[in-house]
Protein backbone atom coordinates (compact mmCIF):
# COMPACT_ATOMS: atom_id res chain seq x y z
CA MET A 1 -75.22 -15.95 -79.28
CA ARG A 2 -78.04 -13.64 -78.43
CA VAL A 3 -77.43 -10.01 -79.27
CA VAL A 4 -79.92 -7.43 -78.12
CA SER A 5 -79.20 -3.90 -79.71
CA LEU A 6 -80.47 -0.85 -78.22
CA GLY A 7 -80.97 2.48 -79.90
CA ASP A 8 -83.01 3.86 -82.85
CA LEU A 9 -85.05 2.14 -85.66
CA ALA A 10 -85.59 4.71 -88.56
CA LEU A 11 -86.68 5.06 -92.30
CA ASP A 12 -83.51 5.35 -93.72
CA VAL A 13 -83.25 7.89 -96.98
CA VAL A 14 -80.40 7.44 -98.70
CA VAL A 15 -79.72 10.10 -101.48
CA GLN A 16 -76.60 9.62 -103.62
CA ILE A 17 -75.25 12.38 -105.85
CA ASP A 18 -72.25 12.41 -108.31
CA GLY A 19 -71.20 16.12 -108.46
CA ALA A 20 -72.05 19.42 -106.96
CA ILE A 21 -75.50 20.21 -105.17
CA ALA A 22 -77.36 22.81 -107.32
CA GLN A 23 -78.28 25.38 -105.04
CA GLY A 24 -82.20 26.29 -105.38
CA ALA A 25 -82.20 23.82 -108.44
CA ASP A 26 -82.52 20.49 -109.39
CA THR A 27 -79.78 17.77 -108.69
CA PRO A 28 -79.79 14.47 -110.20
CA ALA A 29 -79.79 11.76 -107.55
CA GLU A 30 -80.47 8.05 -106.75
CA ILE A 31 -82.61 7.37 -103.90
CA SER A 32 -83.19 4.48 -101.96
CA LEU A 33 -85.34 3.50 -98.85
CA SER A 34 -84.64 1.20 -96.22
CA ALA A 35 -84.56 0.45 -92.24
CA GLY A 36 -82.05 2.04 -90.63
CA GLY A 37 -80.64 3.71 -87.27
CA GLN A 38 -77.68 2.50 -85.41
CA GLY A 39 -79.54 0.38 -82.90
CA ALA A 40 -81.22 -1.41 -85.91
CA ASN A 41 -78.22 -1.57 -88.07
CA VAL A 42 -76.06 -3.37 -85.51
CA ALA A 43 -79.23 -5.75 -84.71
CA ALA A 44 -79.31 -6.68 -88.34
CA TRP A 45 -76.00 -7.14 -89.02
CA ALA A 46 -75.75 -9.47 -85.98
CA ALA A 47 -78.42 -11.66 -87.60
CA ALA A 48 -76.99 -11.57 -90.77
CA LEU A 49 -73.38 -13.04 -89.56
CA GLY A 50 -75.23 -15.66 -87.53
CA ALA A 51 -76.51 -14.52 -83.99
CA ARG A 52 -79.92 -14.22 -82.45
CA ALA A 53 -80.73 -10.63 -82.85
CA GLY A 54 -83.08 -8.21 -81.06
CA TRP A 55 -83.72 -4.65 -81.30
CA LEU A 56 -84.65 -2.56 -78.51
CA GLY A 57 -86.31 0.80 -78.64
CA LYS A 58 -89.34 2.82 -79.16
CA ARG A 59 -91.18 2.95 -82.68
CA ALA A 60 -94.42 4.11 -84.14
CA ASP A 61 -96.76 2.35 -86.18
CA ASP A 62 -97.29 5.05 -88.59
CA ALA A 63 -95.95 4.75 -92.35
CA ALA A 64 -92.25 5.18 -91.97
CA GLY A 65 -92.42 3.06 -88.50
CA ARG A 66 -93.96 0.15 -90.55
CA LEU A 67 -91.64 0.25 -93.31
CA ALA A 68 -88.69 -0.17 -91.22
CA ALA A 69 -90.18 -2.77 -88.79
CA ASP A 70 -91.14 -4.91 -91.63
CA GLU A 71 -87.86 -4.83 -93.28
CA LEU A 72 -85.87 -5.67 -89.71
CA GLU A 73 -88.19 -8.51 -89.10
CA ARG A 74 -87.53 -10.09 -92.76
CA ARG A 75 -83.85 -9.67 -91.88
CA GLY A 76 -84.87 -12.16 -89.19
CA VAL A 77 -84.31 -9.44 -86.07
CA GLU A 78 -86.82 -9.92 -82.89
CA LEU A 79 -88.51 -6.56 -82.43
CA LEU A 80 -88.58 -5.57 -78.71
CA GLY A 81 -89.82 -2.22 -77.13
CA PRO A 82 -93.06 -0.25 -76.80
CA VAL A 83 -94.94 0.72 -80.08
CA VAL A 84 -96.72 4.21 -80.45
CA SER A 85 -99.07 5.60 -83.07
CA GLU A 86 -97.27 8.40 -84.81
CA GLY A 87 -93.54 9.79 -85.05
CA ASN A 88 -91.37 7.39 -85.82
CA GLY A 89 -87.84 8.85 -86.69
CA VAL A 90 -86.37 9.41 -90.22
CA VAL A 91 -82.78 9.62 -91.38
CA VAL A 92 -81.61 11.38 -94.70
CA SER A 93 -77.94 10.72 -95.61
CA LEU A 94 -76.61 12.70 -98.48
CA VAL A 95 -73.52 10.29 -100.05
CA ASP A 96 -71.14 12.54 -102.33
CA ARG A 97 -68.92 10.50 -105.37
CA THR A 98 -66.18 9.04 -103.15
CA GLY A 99 -68.93 7.27 -100.47
CA GLU A 100 -68.80 9.84 -97.55
CA ARG A 101 -72.30 10.55 -95.93
CA SER A 102 -73.69 13.49 -94.21
CA MET A 103 -76.47 12.68 -91.85
CA PHE A 104 -79.83 14.39 -91.13
CA PRO A 105 -81.70 12.70 -88.63
CA ALA A 106 -85.05 13.28 -86.95
CA ARG A 107 -85.21 10.86 -84.26
CA GLY A 108 -88.69 11.05 -83.26
CA VAL A 109 -90.01 8.88 -80.68
CA ALA A 110 -86.72 6.88 -80.10
CA THR A 111 -85.59 9.48 -77.73
CA GLU A 112 -88.80 8.74 -75.39
CA LEU A 113 -88.27 5.37 -74.46
CA ARG A 114 -88.77 5.21 -70.57
CA PRO A 115 -86.79 2.89 -67.78
CA ASP A 116 -90.37 1.65 -66.81
CA GLU A 117 -91.06 0.72 -70.48
CA LEU A 118 -88.80 -2.34 -70.00
CA GLU A 119 -89.65 -5.79 -69.57
CA PRO A 120 -86.73 -7.80 -67.80
CA ASP A 121 -87.34 -10.75 -70.52
CA TRP A 122 -86.19 -8.58 -73.32
CA LEU A 123 -82.76 -8.36 -71.99
CA ALA A 124 -82.54 -12.04 -71.69
CA CYS A 125 -78.85 -12.14 -73.72
CA ASP A 126 -75.56 -12.79 -73.82
CA HIS A 127 -74.52 -9.47 -75.11
CA LEU A 128 -76.37 -6.09 -74.99
CA HIS A 129 -74.91 -3.29 -77.28
CA VAL A 130 -76.00 0.13 -76.83
CA SER A 131 -76.24 3.00 -79.28
CA GLY A 132 -74.11 6.34 -78.31
CA TYR A 133 -77.70 8.23 -79.81
CA ALA A 134 -79.43 6.83 -76.82
CA LEU A 135 -77.03 8.52 -74.56
CA ALA A 136 -77.41 12.08 -75.72
CA ALA A 137 -81.16 12.50 -75.01
CA GLU A 138 -83.49 11.69 -71.92
CA PRO A 139 -85.61 9.54 -71.10
CA VAL A 140 -84.00 6.88 -73.29
CA ALA A 141 -80.55 7.82 -71.68
CA SER A 142 -81.96 6.66 -68.14
CA ALA A 143 -83.42 3.63 -69.80
CA ALA A 144 -80.13 2.42 -71.49
CA VAL A 145 -78.78 2.69 -68.10
CA ARG A 146 -81.60 0.38 -66.54
CA ALA A 147 -81.47 -1.97 -69.68
CA VAL A 148 -77.57 -2.46 -69.03
CA GLU A 149 -78.40 -3.39 -65.15
CA LEU A 150 -81.04 -5.84 -66.40
CA ALA A 151 -78.79 -7.32 -69.02
CA ARG A 152 -76.20 -7.56 -66.69
CA SER A 153 -77.89 -9.41 -63.71
CA ARG A 154 -78.62 -12.00 -66.31
CA GLY A 155 -74.98 -12.47 -67.11
CA ALA A 156 -74.43 -10.55 -70.25
CA GLN A 157 -71.84 -8.60 -71.25
CA ALA A 158 -72.21 -4.85 -72.50
CA SER A 159 -71.01 -2.58 -75.10
CA VAL A 160 -71.29 1.20 -76.08
CA ASP A 161 -70.65 2.56 -79.76
CA LEU A 162 -70.05 6.35 -79.09
CA SER A 163 -71.92 6.95 -82.21
CA SER A 164 -71.27 10.73 -82.94
CA TRP A 165 -68.61 13.22 -81.97
CA SER A 166 -71.13 16.04 -82.50
CA ALA A 167 -73.77 14.48 -80.34
CA ILE A 168 -70.91 14.10 -77.56
CA ARG A 169 -70.12 18.07 -78.03
CA ASP A 170 -73.59 18.92 -77.91
CA THR A 171 -74.03 16.67 -74.82
CA GLY A 172 -71.18 17.89 -73.42
CA PRO A 173 -67.98 16.22 -73.13
CA ALA A 174 -67.44 15.19 -69.79
CA ARG A 175 -70.76 14.38 -69.06
CA PHE A 176 -70.98 11.83 -71.79
CA ARG A 177 -67.70 10.16 -70.85
CA ALA A 178 -69.19 10.14 -67.18
CA LEU A 179 -72.43 8.46 -68.40
CA VAL A 180 -70.44 5.76 -70.47
CA GLU A 181 -68.13 4.99 -67.63
CA SER A 182 -71.30 4.66 -65.27
CA LEU A 183 -72.57 1.79 -67.41
CA ARG A 184 -69.25 -0.10 -66.64
CA PRO A 185 -68.91 -1.30 -70.47
CA ASP A 186 -66.67 -4.08 -71.07
CA VAL A 187 -66.39 -2.71 -74.99
CA VAL A 188 -66.27 0.71 -76.50
CA PHE A 189 -66.38 1.30 -80.14
CA ALA A 190 -65.43 4.76 -81.22
CA ASN A 191 -63.84 6.83 -84.57
CA GLU A 192 -61.20 9.05 -84.10
CA ASP A 193 -63.42 12.19 -84.07
CA GLU A 194 -65.38 10.42 -81.00
CA ASP A 195 -62.15 9.28 -79.51
CA ARG A 196 -60.57 12.74 -79.35
CA VAL A 197 -63.90 14.72 -78.32
CA ILE A 198 -64.24 12.36 -75.49
CA GLY A 199 -61.25 12.69 -74.36
CA GLY A 200 -59.59 9.09 -75.23
CA PRO A 201 -60.14 5.34 -73.95
CA LEU A 202 -61.79 4.46 -70.49
CA PRO A 203 -59.47 2.47 -68.28
CA GLY A 204 -59.77 -1.04 -67.84
CA VAL A 205 -62.12 -1.16 -71.13
CA VAL A 206 -61.56 -2.62 -74.41
CA TRP A 207 -61.33 0.32 -76.75
CA ILE A 208 -62.32 -0.33 -80.53
CA LEU A 209 -60.79 2.11 -82.90
CA LYS A 210 -62.42 2.57 -86.03
CA ARG A 211 -60.14 4.50 -88.50
CA GLY A 212 -61.98 4.16 -91.83
CA ALA A 213 -60.07 3.38 -94.70
CA ALA A 214 -57.08 2.77 -92.15
CA GLY A 215 -58.55 0.01 -90.77
CA CYS A 216 -58.94 -0.50 -86.92
CA SER A 217 -57.23 -0.82 -83.52
CA PHE A 218 -59.02 -3.49 -81.79
CA ASP A 219 -57.75 -2.33 -78.18
CA GLY A 220 -53.97 -1.49 -79.62
CA ASP A 221 -54.22 -4.59 -81.94
CA GLU A 222 -53.77 -2.59 -85.24
CA ARG A 223 -55.37 -4.04 -88.15
CA ALA A 224 -55.58 -2.95 -91.97
CA ALA A 225 -58.87 -2.70 -93.68
CA VAL A 226 -60.00 -5.19 -95.92
CA ALA A 227 -59.36 -3.95 -99.61
CA VAL A 228 -62.52 -3.31 -102.01
CA ASP A 229 -62.67 -2.17 -105.44
CA THR A 230 -65.23 0.26 -104.99
CA VAL A 231 -66.48 2.33 -102.17
CA VAL A 232 -70.05 3.17 -102.99
CA ASP A 233 -71.36 4.37 -99.48
CA THR A 234 -70.01 4.22 -96.26
CA THR A 235 -73.34 4.36 -94.11
CA GLY A 236 -73.32 1.88 -91.26
CA ALA A 237 -69.78 0.76 -91.92
CA GLY A 238 -69.16 1.12 -88.41
CA ASP A 239 -72.31 -0.60 -87.39
CA ALA A 240 -71.33 -3.67 -89.27
CA LEU A 241 -67.83 -3.59 -87.56
CA ALA A 242 -69.25 -3.66 -84.26
CA ALA A 243 -71.90 -6.50 -85.03
CA GLY A 244 -68.91 -8.36 -86.85
CA TRP A 245 -66.36 -8.11 -83.78
CA LEU A 246 -69.62 -9.17 -81.12
CA VAL A 247 -70.26 -12.01 -83.60
CA GLY A 248 -66.67 -13.08 -84.66
CA GLY A 249 -63.89 -10.78 -83.51
CA PRO A 250 -61.83 -8.87 -85.65
CA GLU A 251 -61.65 -10.47 -88.87
CA LEU A 252 -65.33 -10.93 -89.00
CA ALA A 253 -65.62 -7.25 -88.08
CA LEU A 254 -63.14 -5.93 -90.86
CA GLU A 255 -64.77 -8.43 -93.57
CA ALA A 256 -68.40 -6.98 -92.31
CA ALA A 257 -67.40 -3.36 -92.92
CA ALA A 258 -65.98 -3.96 -96.31
CA ARG A 259 -69.14 -5.79 -97.08
CA CYS A 260 -71.21 -2.60 -96.13
CA ILE A 261 -69.65 0.02 -97.89
CA GLN A 262 -69.89 -1.83 -101.50
CA SER A 263 -73.41 -1.30 -101.40
CA PRO A 264 -75.93 1.94 -100.93
CA GLY A 265 -77.44 2.11 -97.29
CA SER A 266 -76.59 0.38 -94.17
CA MET A 267 -78.25 -2.79 -93.98
CA PRO A 268 -76.51 -6.37 -95.10
């Protein structure tokens, strides 16, 4: 199975703290660097779970971009898409003692992917997964629409992760929903906040609702989360779940999400 994941490839800076932030002073923290971005996360997890995986997007050949790209390639992911000299994305994730994370993204050139930069052979796959972040800005939203067209012309299925309730709000829920509908996705992944803001499931679409510690609803099939001893960092758990479902269905999805939250960062 070949999965292509369209979205951001960023340098992920994870800052873990064990107490309150000392405003205007120093707060002890553990800090790690890795590849990140929702598109890259899903591709890395798909590769780790046994698929042939490609990441598709726009990246930069600067220090941040090289670090992220090198790691993704080491994880067995094929890098697809145009490369420019500067401006790769960086995401800072602040993780508290419960494992809950708040994200501060600077997306850089990821939003600048254009439809005319896509090569049809990049979309020769069994499944194209589209990050909702790619639908929240132009010209990358138009590139995502074109990518789905190219993938479907080669027999692929398509899925969308809604990604962020705040991105849906800022884009405009009605506009965002119409754009997702225009893609005619086979599958949509959403958490409860994204589901609420966009106005609930789309008719005729497999709707996978991520409920965090409460588990997941796979188009109405309610499953409990896999129990873990310690939650270290929830960053990327939804991306791991999406990749698991694409590769192996609900059981692998829940196993991948549980594996993800037991270590820092979003990668396998």
